[in-house]
Amino acid sequence: SLEKYDDDTHIAIVFGREHSGLSNDELDLCHTLINIPANPEYSSLNLAAAVQVMAYELRMSFNPTIERGRVGEEREAIHAEDLVHLYDHFERSLTTIGFLDPSNPRNLMRRIRRLFNRADLDRNEVQILHGILRAAETKARSTK
């Protein structure tokens, strides 16, 4: 379903290259990943087909009388920059508390980004997460 945004909000639907899709770095910039289920014997769709399927699904999900949200809650939207700042803070904090080894990060930050991108965070929730990270960093520094 589509969300209601202020008039100045820009949303992009990004499609990968027909022969190779999106790179991991490009995927890391996306807030939501969509997989179109296809025939397992030939699971690749060409770009035109993928665009058609997405356009159809978006059109079918649009109903201007429905507003998604949490009952009784005012939610302030966040911007992509807010998430970039949060992910940077997570990486610094997880390194500070010894959870993330910068010399062997594996896919931890990619998975954290994907987790929070699915969570549909609002401004208050982002501020709560920053507060938790600051508290964890403070605690880790005081026990050293």
Protein backbone atom coordinates (compact mmCIF):
# COMPACT_ATOMS: atom_id res chain seq x y z
CA SER A 1 0.00 0.00 0.00
CA LEU A 2 1.09 3.58 -0.59
CA GLU A 3 1.76 6.06 2.16
CA LYS A 4 0.66 9.68 2.27
CA TYR A 5 3.60 12.08 2.07
CA ASP A 6 4.00 15.84 2.11
CA ASP A 7 4.03 17.45 -1.33
CA ASP A 8 7.81 18.00 -1.23
CA THR A 9 8.68 14.34 -0.62
CA HIS A 10 10.29 12.49 -3.51
CA ILE A 11 10.06 8.74 -3.89
CA ALA A 12 12.03 6.67 -6.36
CA ILE A 13 11.45 3.18 -7.62
CA VAL A 14 14.81 1.86 -8.76
CA PHE A 15 15.23 -0.98 -11.21
CA GLY A 16 18.49 -2.80 -11.79
CA ARG A 17 20.28 -3.43 -15.03
CA GLU A 18 18.65 -6.07 -17.15
CA HIS A 19 21.73 -8.29 -17.23
CA SER A 20 22.91 -7.93 -13.62
CA GLY A 21 20.37 -6.13 -11.41
CA LEU A 22 21.54 -3.67 -8.75
CA SER A 23 24.95 -3.82 -7.10
CA ASN A 24 25.19 -4.37 -3.33
CA ASP A 25 26.18 -0.70 -2.88
CA GLU A 26 23.07 0.36 -4.82
CA LEU A 27 20.88 -2.05 -2.83
CA ASP A 28 22.25 -0.57 0.41
CA LEU A 29 20.79 2.81 -0.56
CA CYS A 30 17.29 1.37 -1.03
CA HIS A 31 14.80 1.50 1.84
CA THR A 32 12.63 -1.36 0.62
CA LEU A 33 13.57 -4.31 -1.56
CA ILE A 34 10.97 -5.96 -3.74
CA ASN A 35 11.21 -9.43 -5.22
CA ILE A 36 8.82 -10.37 -8.02
CA PRO A 37 8.17 -14.13 -7.84
CA ALA A 38 8.61 -15.69 -11.25
CA ASN A 39 8.83 -19.13 -12.80
CA PRO A 40 11.60 -21.01 -10.93
CA GLU A 41 12.83 -22.52 -14.22
CA TYR A 42 13.45 -19.02 -15.60
CA SER A 43 13.33 -16.66 -12.63
CA SER A 44 14.60 -13.54 -14.38
CA LEU A 45 12.28 -10.85 -15.72
CA ASN A 46 13.43 -8.37 -18.31
CA LEU A 47 13.33 -4.72 -17.31
CA ALA A 48 10.16 -3.90 -19.24
CA ALA A 49 8.27 -6.79 -17.62
CA ALA A 50 9.47 -5.80 -14.12
CA VAL A 51 8.35 -2.19 -14.68
CA GLN A 52 4.94 -3.41 -15.91
CA VAL A 53 4.45 -5.67 -12.90
CA MET A 54 5.42 -2.88 -10.47
CA ALA A 55 3.17 -0.33 -12.19
CA TYR A 56 0.27 -2.77 -12.04
CA GLU A 57 0.84 -3.64 -8.37
CA LEU A 58 1.15 0.03 -7.39
CA ARG A 59 -2.03 0.88 -9.26
CA MET A 60 -3.93 -2.01 -7.69
CA SER A 61 -2.77 -1.08 -4.18
CA PHE A 62 -3.70 2.61 -4.45
CA ASN A 63 -6.83 3.73 -2.64
CA PRO A 64 -6.83 7.42 -1.69
CA THR A 65 -9.39 6.86 1.08
CA ILE A 66 -7.09 4.61 3.12
CA GLU A 67 -4.36 6.06 5.34
CA ARG A 68 -1.80 3.71 6.80
CA GLY A 69 -0.50 4.37 10.26
CA ARG A 70 -0.81 3.52 13.89
CA VAL A 71 -4.14 4.24 15.54
CA GLY A 72 -4.15 7.38 17.69
CA GLU A 73 -0.55 8.29 16.88
CA GLU A 74 0.84 11.35 15.17
CA ARG A 75 3.86 10.24 13.18
CA GLU A 76 6.49 12.59 11.81
CA ALA A 77 8.13 11.26 8.68
CA ILE A 78 11.88 10.97 8.37
CA HIS A 79 14.16 11.54 5.39
CA ALA A 80 16.77 9.30 3.83
CA GLU A 81 19.49 11.43 5.49
CA ASP A 82 18.01 10.61 8.91
CA LEU A 83 18.48 6.92 8.18
CA VAL A 84 22.02 7.42 6.89
CA HIS A 85 22.86 9.24 10.14
CA LEU A 86 21.23 6.44 12.19
CA TYR A 87 23.17 3.72 10.33
CA ASP A 88 26.44 5.61 10.81
CA HIS A 89 25.65 5.92 14.52
CA PHE A 90 24.89 2.19 14.70
CA GLU A 91 28.21 1.33 13.07
CA ARG A 92 30.17 3.59 15.46
CA SER A 93 28.27 2.36 18.52
CA LEU A 94 28.51 -1.32 17.66
CA THR A 95 32.26 -0.87 17.19
CA THR A 96 32.54 1.01 20.51
CA ILE A 97 30.70 -1.71 22.46
CA GLY A 98 32.72 -4.46 20.76
CA PHE A 99 29.86 -6.04 18.81
CA LEU A 100 31.17 -5.06 15.37
CA ASP A 101 34.75 -5.82 14.34
CA PRO A 102 35.58 -3.24 11.65
CA SER A 103 38.28 -5.52 10.23
CA ASN A 104 35.69 -8.31 9.75
CA PRO A 105 32.28 -6.67 9.43
CA ARG A 106 30.69 -9.40 7.30
CA ASN A 107 27.19 -8.27 6.31
CA LEU A 108 26.14 -6.92 9.71
CA MET A 109 25.51 -3.32 8.68
CA ARG A 110 23.72 -4.39 5.49
CA ARG A 111 21.38 -6.57 7.56
CA ILE A 112 20.83 -3.79 10.11
CA ARG A 113 19.93 -1.36 7.31
CA ARG A 114 17.48 -3.83 5.81
CA LEU A 115 15.93 -4.52 9.22
CA PHE A 116 15.28 -0.86 9.98
CA ASN A 117 14.21 -0.05 6.41
CA ARG A 118 11.40 -2.61 6.84
CA ALA A 119 10.41 -1.11 10.19
CA ASP A 120 8.90 2.12 8.75
CA LEU A 121 10.52 4.28 11.45
CA ASP A 122 9.21 7.72 12.33
CA ARG A 123 11.18 10.65 13.82
CA ASN A 124 10.40 9.72 17.44
CA GLU A 125 11.53 6.12 16.93
CA VAL A 126 14.79 7.25 15.28
CA GLN A 127 15.47 9.55 18.25
CA ILE A 128 14.79 6.66 20.66
CA LEU A 129 17.30 4.47 18.80
CA HIS A 130 19.94 7.25 18.90
CA GLY A 131 19.35 7.54 22.66
CA ILE A 132 19.79 3.80 23.17
CA LEU A 133 23.02 3.86 21.16
CA ARG A 134 24.38 6.83 23.16
CA ALA A 135 23.54 5.05 26.44
CA ALA A 136 25.28 1.85 25.26
CA GLU A 137 28.37 3.84 24.22
CA THR A 138 28.47 5.66 27.56
CA LYS A 139 28.16 2.39 29.48
CA ALA A 140 30.86 0.71 27.37
CA ARG A 141 33.27 3.60 27.92
CA SER A 142 32.69 3.69 31.69
CA THR A 143 33.44 -0.04 32.10
CA LYS A 144 36.82 0.14 30.34
